[in-house]
Amino acid sequence: MTDEENGPSIRLDHFLQICGVPTGGQAKQLIQSGLVMVNQEVETRRRKKLSAGDVVSIDGDEYDVGMEPPE
């Protein structure tokens, strides 16, 4: 997914599934419960667009968002 102004991006709920959250429904629950942080701030929008360099925290585990440039 690409945002022409900001470069490549991915939605928070999709990123959580890549990080091991089994389903989109569980990702939604984690986000809406305030258990997910993006760049050290609680994020409750599951469609939040993440970009390279963002850091997502779930239950003490941190994941760096890294995007490969399009070929």
C-alpha atoms as a PDB file:
ATOM      1  CA  MET A   1       0.000   0.000   0.000  1.00  0.00           C
ATOM      2  CA  THR A   2       1.376   3.415  -0.930  1.00  0.00           C
ATOM      3  CA  ASP A   3       0.397   6.946   0.044  1.00  0.00           C
ATOM      4  CA  GLU A   4       1.813   9.245  -2.651  1.00  0.00           C
ATOM      5  CA  GLU A   5       2.691  11.996  -0.140  1.00  0.00           C
ATOM      6  CA  ASN A   6       4.186   9.847   2.611  1.00  0.00           C
ATOM      7  CA  GLY A   7       5.476   6.762   0.796  1.00  0.00           C
ATOM      8  CA  PRO A   8       4.641   3.130   1.626  1.00  0.00           C
ATOM      9  CA  SER A   9       2.227   2.470   4.478  1.00  0.00           C
ATOM     10  CA  ILE A  10       0.304  -0.360   6.135  1.00  0.00           C
ATOM     11  CA  ARG A  11      -2.786  -0.298   8.324  1.00  0.00           C
ATOM     12  CA  LEU A  12      -2.277  -0.997  12.012  1.00  0.00           C
ATOM     13  CA  ASP A  13      -4.709  -3.929  12.104  1.00  0.00           C
ATOM     14  CA  HIS A  14      -2.933  -5.600   9.171  1.00  0.00           C
ATOM     15  CA  PHE A  15       0.467  -5.003  10.762  1.00  0.00           C
ATOM     16  CA  LEU A  16      -0.685  -6.700  13.978  1.00  0.00           C
ATOM     17  CA  GLN A  17      -1.641  -9.796  12.019  1.00  0.00           C
ATOM     18  CA  ILE A  18       1.829  -9.872  10.467  1.00  0.00           C
ATOM     19  CA  CYS A  19       3.228  -9.659  14.019  1.00  0.00           C
ATOM     20  CA  GLY A  20       1.311 -12.774  15.060  1.00  0.00           C
ATOM     21  CA  VAL A  21      -2.171 -11.692  16.154  1.00  0.00           C
ATOM     22  CA  PRO A  22      -4.217 -14.634  14.819  1.00  0.00           C
ATOM     23  CA  THR A  23      -7.268 -12.789  13.426  1.00  0.00           C
ATOM     24  CA  GLY A  24      -8.446  -9.369  12.369  1.00  0.00           C
ATOM     25  CA  GLY A  25     -11.125  -9.541  15.071  1.00  0.00           C
ATOM     26  CA  GLN A  26      -8.507 -10.048  17.771  1.00  0.00           C
ATOM     27  CA  ALA A  27      -6.422  -7.195  16.351  1.00  0.00           C
ATOM     28  CA  LYS A  28      -9.520  -4.973  16.489  1.00  0.00           C
ATOM     29  CA  GLN A  29     -10.156  -5.906  20.138  1.00  0.00           C
ATOM     30  CA  LEU A  30      -6.553  -5.200  21.159  1.00  0.00           C
ATOM     31  CA  ILE A  31      -6.599  -1.811  19.434  1.00  0.00           C
ATOM     32  CA  GLN A  32     -10.011  -0.708  20.724  1.00  0.00           C
ATOM     33  CA  SER A  33      -9.102  -1.813  24.263  1.00  0.00           C
ATOM     34  CA  GLY A  34      -6.154   0.597  24.280  1.00  0.00           C
ATOM     35  CA  LEU A  35      -3.561  -2.188  24.485  1.00  0.00           C
ATOM     36  CA  VAL A  36      -1.632  -1.101  21.387  1.00  0.00           C
ATOM     37  CA  MET A  37       0.794   1.796  21.284  1.00  0.00           C
ATOM     38  CA  VAL A  38       2.289   3.478  18.229  1.00  0.00           C
ATOM     39  CA  ASN A  39       5.405   5.547  18.855  1.00  0.00           C
ATOM     40  CA  GLN A  40       4.770   5.401  22.626  1.00  0.00           C
ATOM     41  CA  GLU A  41       1.177   6.684  22.378  1.00  0.00           C
ATOM     42  CA  VAL A  42      -1.997   4.612  22.765  1.00  0.00           C
ATOM     43  CA  GLU A  43      -3.633   4.151  19.376  1.00  0.00           C
ATOM     44  CA  THR A  44      -7.312   3.176  19.116  1.00  0.00           C
ATOM     45  CA  ARG A  45      -7.784   3.566  15.348  1.00  0.00           C
ATOM     46  CA  ARG A  46      -7.390   0.208  13.644  1.00  0.00           C
ATOM     47  CA  ARG A  47      -7.058   1.855  10.234  1.00  0.00           C
ATOM     48  CA  LYS A  48      -4.189   4.047  11.409  1.00  0.00           C
ATOM     49  CA  LYS A  49      -1.584   4.136   8.630  1.00  0.00           C
ATOM     50  CA  LEU A  50       1.886   3.117   9.734  1.00  0.00           C
ATOM     51  CA  SER A  51       5.043   4.165   7.921  1.00  0.00           C
ATOM     52  CA  ALA A  52       8.642   2.992   7.987  1.00  0.00           C
ATOM     53  CA  GLY A  53      10.240   3.983  11.280  1.00  0.00           C
ATOM     54  CA  ASP A  54       7.082   3.705  13.397  1.00  0.00           C
ATOM     55  CA  VAL A  55       7.308   1.487  16.486  1.00  0.00           C
ATOM     56  CA  VAL A  56       4.287  -0.578  17.555  1.00  0.00           C
ATOM     57  CA  SER A  57       4.075  -1.954  21.115  1.00  0.00           C
ATOM     58  CA  ILE A  58       1.750  -4.782  22.124  1.00  0.00           C
ATOM     59  CA  ASP A  59       1.816  -6.071  25.679  1.00  0.00           C
ATOM     60  CA  GLY A  60       5.441  -5.023  26.189  1.00  0.00           C
ATOM     61  CA  ASP A  61       6.690  -6.396  22.845  1.00  0.00           C
ATOM     62  CA  GLU A  62       7.953  -3.815  20.348  1.00  0.00           C
ATOM     63  CA  TYR A  63       7.870  -4.155  16.573  1.00  0.00           C
ATOM     64  CA  ASP A  64       9.599  -1.796  14.145  1.00  0.00           C
ATOM     65  CA  VAL A  65       7.709  -0.977  10.987  1.00  0.00           C
ATOM     66  CA  GLY A  66      10.087  -1.377   8.051  1.00  0.00           C
ATOM     67  CA  MET A  67       8.957  -0.885   4.501  1.00  0.00           C
ATOM     68  CA  GLU A  68      10.734  -2.105   1.400  1.00  0.00           C
ATOM     69  CA  PRO A  69      10.769   0.455  -1.391  1.00  0.00           C
ATOM     70  CA  PRO A  70       8.669  -0.516  -4.424  1.00  0.00           C
ATOM     71  CA  GLU A  71      10.640  -2.111  -7.289  1.00  0.00           C
END
